Amino acid sequence: MLVRLFCDDLAERLRHLGAGTLGGIADLLAWADWRFQWIHPFMDFNWRIGRILLVALIHRIGLPPLDTVQPAPDARRQYLHALQAADDGNLGPLKDIWTHRIAETL
């Protein structure tokens, strides 16, 4: 049920994205990244399915391919803290990560 609701919500957000701005695209990617990880059924955070989702979403938005994960231990720690902040209602840190990833690619 949560995945169905996620898909419906994501489709609606995509419908309203339009041409999108960097901030709007980063908002969407941050929300999708967090929400999917929140409902992801595996507690080991292997992220493989989440990365596939993000790659497909990035393609759908029309962005060039970009890194969906940074392998460095500090980046991983920052990402986990950003996910926890999103769990607490603050998507800002995760949006900052996505803004940086997009800016690096463009």
Protein backbone atom coordinates (compact mmCIF):
# COMPACT_ATOMS: atom_id res chain seq x y z
CA MET A 1 0.00 0.00 0.00
CA LEU A 2 2.80 2.44 0.86
CA VAL A 3 4.53 1.82 -2.48
CA ARG A 4 1.25 2.47 -4.34
CA LEU A 5 0.76 5.73 -2.45
CA PHE A 6 4.39 6.66 -3.13
CA CYS A 7 3.90 6.03 -6.86
CA ASP A 8 0.70 8.09 -6.96
CA ASP A 9 2.32 10.95 -5.06
CA LEU A 10 5.44 10.83 -7.25
CA ALA A 11 3.35 10.90 -10.44
CA GLU A 12 1.50 13.97 -9.20
CA ARG A 13 4.72 15.72 -8.22
CA LEU A 14 6.19 14.96 -11.65
CA ARG A 15 3.06 16.31 -13.31
CA HIS A 16 3.53 19.63 -11.54
CA LEU A 17 7.30 19.82 -12.03
CA GLY A 18 7.02 21.19 -15.57
CA ALA A 19 10.33 22.50 -16.86
CA GLY A 20 11.51 22.63 -13.27
CA THR A 21 14.17 24.70 -11.60
CA LEU A 22 17.29 23.35 -9.96
CA GLY A 23 15.68 23.85 -6.55
CA GLY A 24 12.43 22.20 -7.61
CA ILE A 25 14.24 19.23 -9.12
CA ALA A 26 16.42 18.87 -6.00
CA ASP A 27 13.26 19.03 -3.87
CA LEU A 28 11.67 16.25 -5.90
CA LEU A 29 14.76 14.02 -5.83
CA ALA A 30 15.25 14.59 -2.11
CA TRP A 31 11.63 13.73 -1.38
CA ALA A 32 11.64 10.65 -3.63
CA ASP A 33 14.96 9.45 -2.22
CA TRP A 34 13.85 9.87 1.39
CA ARG A 35 10.31 8.57 0.98
CA PHE A 36 11.39 5.45 -0.88
CA GLN A 37 14.09 4.68 1.67
CA TRP A 38 11.52 5.24 4.42
CA ILE A 39 9.21 2.57 3.00
CA HIS A 40 11.98 0.33 1.63
CA PRO A 41 11.43 -3.12 3.13
CA PHE A 42 15.09 -3.89 3.89
CA MET A 43 16.80 -2.55 6.98
CA ASP A 44 20.35 -3.18 5.68
CA PHE A 45 20.29 -0.04 3.52
CA ASN A 46 21.70 -1.79 0.46
CA TRP A 47 20.08 0.98 -1.62
CA ARG A 48 20.20 -0.99 -4.88
CA ILE A 49 16.48 -0.64 -5.59
CA GLY A 50 16.50 2.97 -4.46
CA ARG A 51 19.37 3.76 -6.83
CA ILE A 52 17.48 2.15 -9.72
CA LEU A 53 14.46 4.27 -8.88
CA LEU A 54 16.56 7.43 -8.74
CA VAL A 55 18.32 6.67 -12.04
CA ALA A 56 14.94 6.14 -13.71
CA LEU A 57 13.59 9.33 -12.16
CA ILE A 58 16.63 11.35 -13.24
CA HIS A 59 16.17 10.03 -16.77
CA ARG A 60 12.42 10.82 -16.67
CA ILE A 61 13.14 14.39 -15.58
CA GLY A 62 15.60 14.76 -18.46
CA LEU A 63 18.80 15.24 -16.50
CA PRO A 64 22.06 13.77 -17.71
CA PRO A 65 23.25 10.72 -15.76
CA LEU A 66 24.58 11.68 -12.34
CA ASP A 67 25.90 9.91 -9.28
CA THR A 68 23.10 8.72 -7.03
CA VAL A 69 25.47 7.79 -4.24
CA GLN A 70 28.89 8.90 -3.10
CA PRO A 71 31.09 6.02 -1.89
CA ALA A 72 33.26 8.05 0.49
CA PRO A 73 32.62 7.24 4.18
CA ASP A 74 32.04 10.92 5.03
CA ALA A 75 29.49 11.23 2.21
CA ARG A 76 27.71 8.11 3.43
CA ARG A 77 27.57 9.49 6.96
CA GLN A 78 26.26 12.82 5.67
CA TYR A 79 23.60 10.99 3.64
CA LEU A 80 22.46 8.93 6.64
CA HIS A 81 22.21 12.09 8.75
CA ALA A 82 20.22 13.75 5.96
CA LEU A 83 17.82 10.79 5.85
CA GLN A 84 17.38 11.01 9.61
CA ALA A 85 16.70 14.74 9.37
CA ALA A 86 14.09 14.00 6.69
CA ASP A 87 12.49 11.46 9.03
CA ASP A 88 12.20 14.34 11.50
CA GLY A 89 10.50 16.53 8.87
CA ASN A 90 13.55 18.40 7.55
CA LEU A 91 14.35 17.63 3.90
CA GLY A 92 16.85 20.52 3.74
CA PRO A 93 20.06 18.49 4.21
CA LEU A 94 18.98 15.90 1.65
CA LYS A 95 17.98 18.66 -0.78
CA ASP A 96 21.44 20.19 -0.31
CA ILE A 97 23.05 16.86 -1.23
CA TRP A 98 20.93 16.59 -4.38
CA THR A 99 21.53 20.23 -5.32
CA HIS A 100 25.27 19.59 -5.08
CA ARG A 101 25.05 16.38 -7.16
CA ILE A 102 23.02 18.11 -9.88
CA ALA A 103 25.30 21.18 -9.93
CA GLU A 104 28.39 18.96 -10.24
CA THR A 105 26.87 17.25 -13.29
CA LEU A 106 25.59 20.34 -15.06
